[in-house]
């Protein structure tokens, strides 16, 4: 359904502080005890050094089930039509 997303499954949540942004990569302090780097493209538009973000990562079981059903449908029709791997 376009524009409609099911509620994500309960996931972990962390506080991220943008420490530095350089060459399209952000250095992020996670929960005050470690640093990770992540492409700026996956962060909210307009983030700046010093911004505080709440990051939540959750499983989307409904989307996984949809993709597995789509894959099964492709297999039952003889694969991907000779174009290579099945798309998940």
C-alpha atoms as a PDB file:
ATOM      1  CA  UNK A   1       0.000   0.000   0.000  1.00  0.00           C
ATOM      2  CA  UNK A   2       1.751   3.194  -1.166  1.00  0.00           C
ATOM      3  CA  UNK A   3       2.333   5.806   1.519  1.00  0.00           C
ATOM      4  CA  UNK A   4       1.181   3.525   4.338  1.00  0.00           C
ATOM      5  CA  UNK A   5       3.606   1.707   6.580  1.00  0.00           C
ATOM      6  CA  UNK A   6       2.750  -0.748   9.347  1.00  0.00           C
ATOM      7  CA  UNK A   7       3.953   0.102  12.833  1.00  0.00           C
ATOM      8  CA  UNK A   8       7.508  -1.178  13.320  1.00  0.00           C
ATOM      9  CA  UNK A   9       8.206  -3.886  15.852  1.00  0.00           C
ATOM     10  CA  UNK A  10       9.640  -2.757  19.171  1.00  0.00           C
ATOM     11  CA  UNK A  11      13.318  -1.974  18.751  1.00  0.00           C
ATOM     12  CA  UNK A  12      16.323  -0.524  20.470  1.00  0.00           C
ATOM     13  CA  UNK A  13      16.665   3.219  20.891  1.00  0.00           C
ATOM     14  CA  UNK A  14      19.855   5.218  21.376  1.00  0.00           C
ATOM     15  CA  UNK A  15      20.840   8.856  21.781  1.00  0.00           C
ATOM     16  CA  UNK A  16      23.209   9.994  19.026  1.00  0.00           C
ATOM     17  CA  UNK A  17      25.163  13.251  19.131  1.00  0.00           C
ATOM     18  CA  UNK A  18      26.618  14.447  15.844  1.00  0.00           C
ATOM     19  CA  UNK A  19      30.262  15.098  16.700  1.00  0.00           C
ATOM     20  CA  UNK A  20      31.673  15.897  13.265  1.00  0.00           C
ATOM     21  CA  UNK A  21      30.563  15.925   9.638  1.00  0.00           C
ATOM     22  CA  UNK A  22      33.200  15.697   6.933  1.00  0.00           C
ATOM     23  CA  UNK A  23      33.226  14.454   3.342  1.00  0.00           C
ATOM     24  CA  UNK A  24      29.683  13.068   3.574  1.00  0.00           C
ATOM     25  CA  UNK A  25      30.377  11.045   6.725  1.00  0.00           C
ATOM     26  CA  UNK A  26      29.213  11.840  10.252  1.00  0.00           C
ATOM     27  CA  UNK A  27      31.124  10.887  13.372  1.00  0.00           C
ATOM     28  CA  UNK A  28      28.492  10.128  16.010  1.00  0.00           C
ATOM     29  CA  UNK A  29      28.786   9.672  19.752  1.00  0.00           C
ATOM     30  CA  UNK A  30      26.426   6.851  20.752  1.00  0.00           C
ATOM     31  CA  UNK A  31      24.930   6.898  24.248  1.00  0.00           C
ATOM     32  CA  UNK A  32      27.977   8.799  25.486  1.00  0.00           C
ATOM     33  CA  UNK A  33      30.342   5.833  25.417  1.00  0.00           C
ATOM     34  CA  UNK A  34      31.461   5.052  21.871  1.00  0.00           C
ATOM     35  CA  UNK A  35      31.776   6.644  18.438  1.00  0.00           C
ATOM     36  CA  UNK A  36      30.539   5.341  15.094  1.00  0.00           C
ATOM     37  CA  UNK A  37      30.674   6.721  11.569  1.00  0.00           C
ATOM     38  CA  UNK A  38      27.686   6.746   9.270  1.00  0.00           C
ATOM     39  CA  UNK A  39      26.946   8.265   5.845  1.00  0.00           C
ATOM     40  CA  UNK A  40      25.234  11.649   6.195  1.00  0.00           C
ATOM     41  CA  UNK A  41      22.766  10.546   3.501  1.00  0.00           C
ATOM     42  CA  UNK A  42      20.981   8.232   5.973  1.00  0.00           C
ATOM     43  CA  UNK A  43      20.554  10.967   8.590  1.00  0.00           C
ATOM     44  CA  UNK A  44      17.724  13.515   8.691  1.00  0.00           C
ATOM     45  CA  UNK A  45      18.165  16.330   6.187  1.00  0.00           C
ATOM     46  CA  UNK A  46      19.926  19.360   7.602  1.00  0.00           C
ATOM     47  CA  UNK A  47      21.657  17.722  10.579  1.00  0.00           C
ATOM     48  CA  UNK A  48      24.585  19.674  11.938  1.00  0.00           C
ATOM     49  CA  UNK A  49      27.458  19.084  14.318  1.00  0.00           C
ATOM     50  CA  UNK A  50      26.143  19.140  17.881  1.00  0.00           C
ATOM     51  CA  UNK A  51      22.632  17.959  16.959  1.00  0.00           C
ATOM     52  CA  UNK A  52      21.116  15.296  19.193  1.00  0.00           C
ATOM     53  CA  UNK A  53      19.154  12.495  17.541  1.00  0.00           C
ATOM     54  CA  UNK A  54      17.151   9.576  18.886  1.00  0.00           C
ATOM     55  CA  UNK A  55      17.902   6.558  16.710  1.00  0.00           C
ATOM     56  CA  UNK A  56      15.549   3.603  16.787  1.00  0.00           C
ATOM     57  CA  UNK A  57      16.167   0.438  14.827  1.00  0.00           C
ATOM     58  CA  UNK A  58      13.290  -1.990  14.627  1.00  0.00           C
ATOM     59  CA  UNK A  59      12.473  -5.181  12.786  1.00  0.00           C
ATOM     60  CA  UNK A  60       9.764  -4.939  10.166  1.00  0.00           C
ATOM     61  CA  UNK A  61       8.327  -8.443  10.200  1.00  0.00           C
ATOM     62  CA  UNK A  62       5.436  -7.491   7.917  1.00  0.00           C
ATOM     63  CA  UNK A  63       7.837  -6.265   5.224  1.00  0.00           C
ATOM     64  CA  UNK A  64       9.965  -9.403   5.588  1.00  0.00           C
ATOM     65  CA  UNK A  65       6.874 -11.588   5.137  1.00  0.00           C
ATOM     66  CA  UNK A  66       5.827  -9.563   2.078  1.00  0.00           C
ATOM     67  CA  UNK A  67       9.248  -9.955   0.487  1.00  0.00           C
ATOM     68  CA  UNK A  68       9.399 -13.690   1.217  1.00  0.00           C
ATOM     69  CA  UNK A  69       5.946 -14.118  -0.349  1.00  0.00           C
ATOM     70  CA  UNK A  70       7.098 -12.151  -3.393  1.00  0.00           C
ATOM     71  CA  UNK A  71      10.191 -14.372  -3.657  1.00  0.00           C
ATOM     72  CA  UNK A  72       8.069 -17.532  -3.381  1.00  0.00           C
ATOM     73  CA  UNK A  73       5.817 -16.203  -6.117  1.00  0.00           C
ATOM     74  CA  UNK A  74       8.828 -15.614  -8.385  1.00  0.00           C
ATOM     75  CA  UNK A  75      10.051 -19.160  -7.739  1.00  0.00           C
ATOM     76  CA  UNK A  76       6.659 -20.674  -8.509  1.00  0.00           C
ATOM     77  CA  UNK A  77       6.701 -18.847 -11.856  1.00  0.00           C
ATOM     78  CA  UNK A  78      10.083 -20.299 -12.781  1.00  0.00           C
ATOM     79  CA  UNK A  79      12.463 -17.868 -11.161  1.00  0.00           C
ATOM     80  CA  UNK A  80      13.234 -14.326 -12.204  1.00  0.00           C
ATOM     81  CA  UNK A  81      12.673 -14.636 -15.932  1.00  0.00           C
ATOM     82  CA  UNK A  82      16.325 -15.301 -16.681  1.00  0.00           C
ATOM     83  CA  UNK A  83      17.468 -11.955 -15.279  1.00  0.00           C
ATOM     84  CA  UNK A  84      19.575 -13.321 -12.439  1.00  0.00           C
ATOM     85  CA  UNK A  85      18.955 -13.461  -8.712  1.00  0.00           C
ATOM     86  CA  UNK A  86      15.557 -13.273  -7.099  1.00  0.00           C
ATOM     87  CA  UNK A  87      14.983  -9.808  -5.637  1.00  0.00           C
ATOM     88  CA  UNK A  88      14.115  -9.663  -1.950  1.00  0.00           C
END
